[in-house]
Amino acid sequence: MKVPAIRVHQTGGPEVLRLEDVEVGDPGPGQLRIRQSAIGVNFIDTYFRTGLYQHPLPFTAGQEGAGVVEAVGEGVQDIRVGDRVAYAGGPIGAYAAERLFPADKVVLLPDWIDDQTAVSLLLKGMTAEYLLHRTYAVQKGDWILVHAAAGATGGLLCQWANFLGAHVIGSVGSAGKVPVAEANGAEKIVLTDDADWPKKVRDFTDGAGVRVVYDGVGAATFDGSLECLQTRGLMVSFGNASGAVPPLAISRLTDRGSLFLTRPTLRDHTATRKDLTESAAALFDVVHRGVVKPTIAKIFPLADAADAHRAIESRAVTGSVILVP
């Protein structure tokens, strides 16, 4: 059976995303065939499209989707035809009306959440879960810095960290995003187009600096982020929205006060079935209780995937972008 999908035959700009018909066969052992109703668009998708993250060509783009199980492969025990499921992370291939996917990498969706809401938050929300609970366990009273506090992932980080009792400093790229960051729970705001933003972060903390920086922006904010950290603070670089961080001399971590640096990924924090289901359960819990409130910024038809990429790369959206087959 052939279905529409977005294929990449060469790396480059959004224009390389091409709508084509692809063959989707029967699921093999341990696989599901999923009829998708909603597809998440994430910055990591642009990294594969541009070649920053390498993948054999051609490929179908995307890492997040939700829909209904149409067929179940041999050996799958706990998922049935008709179940509503979602996934976030590899293998890539989400930008399609239907696809095959490993059964042990999906989560069952609660009845109270719709598919579009699920894909607006699963990848970003599980990212926030591991960053706040496992990369560094945020404690009540901690001063932390969250970059892109008006964005989809940054907004979830701010909301959840605020619930944990942290003092959240949020960064935004323009004055127009300040109200969004405040609504997300940022106690203090800095504008990263102001050259003095690292000093302002330290001023907010009476000169001490923050305990941890969550930076999904990358090259544009990395150096300033190091300046914001307290002695033995943790720099968490988890994305490259402004470009990859250049190599650095590790002596810079010593110069700034015995700093710690990590570059975590969702893949490594959901590598086992137990890790995946526990992360998703923690996320669904805070969403159901209203602690975390996902926002869908724009919805595009699957055929307009290139426009969806342009939207997120413009950094003008203040919520999630999704595709509908």
Foldseek 3Di string as FASTA:
>chain_A
DWWWFFKAADADALVRTAIDIDDADAEAAQKFKFQFFKFFDDPVQNCPRNCVPDDDPIATTGFKTKGFTCHHYPPDDDDDGGFIKMAGGDPGHRLIRIHMDGPLGIDTDDPVDDGHLCSQAVQLQLVLLCVCPPVDPQAAAFEEEEELLLAASNLQNQLVSVVRRYQYEYEHQDPVSVVSSVVSHHPHYDHLVDVCRLVVLCVVVVNQAGQEYEAACAQSCVVSNLSRHGAQHEYEHAHHLPHHHDDDDCVVCVVSHVYHYDHDHSCVQPVGSVSSHVSSVVSVVCVVVVSGDADEFEEEESNVVSVVVVVVSVVPTRGIYMYGD
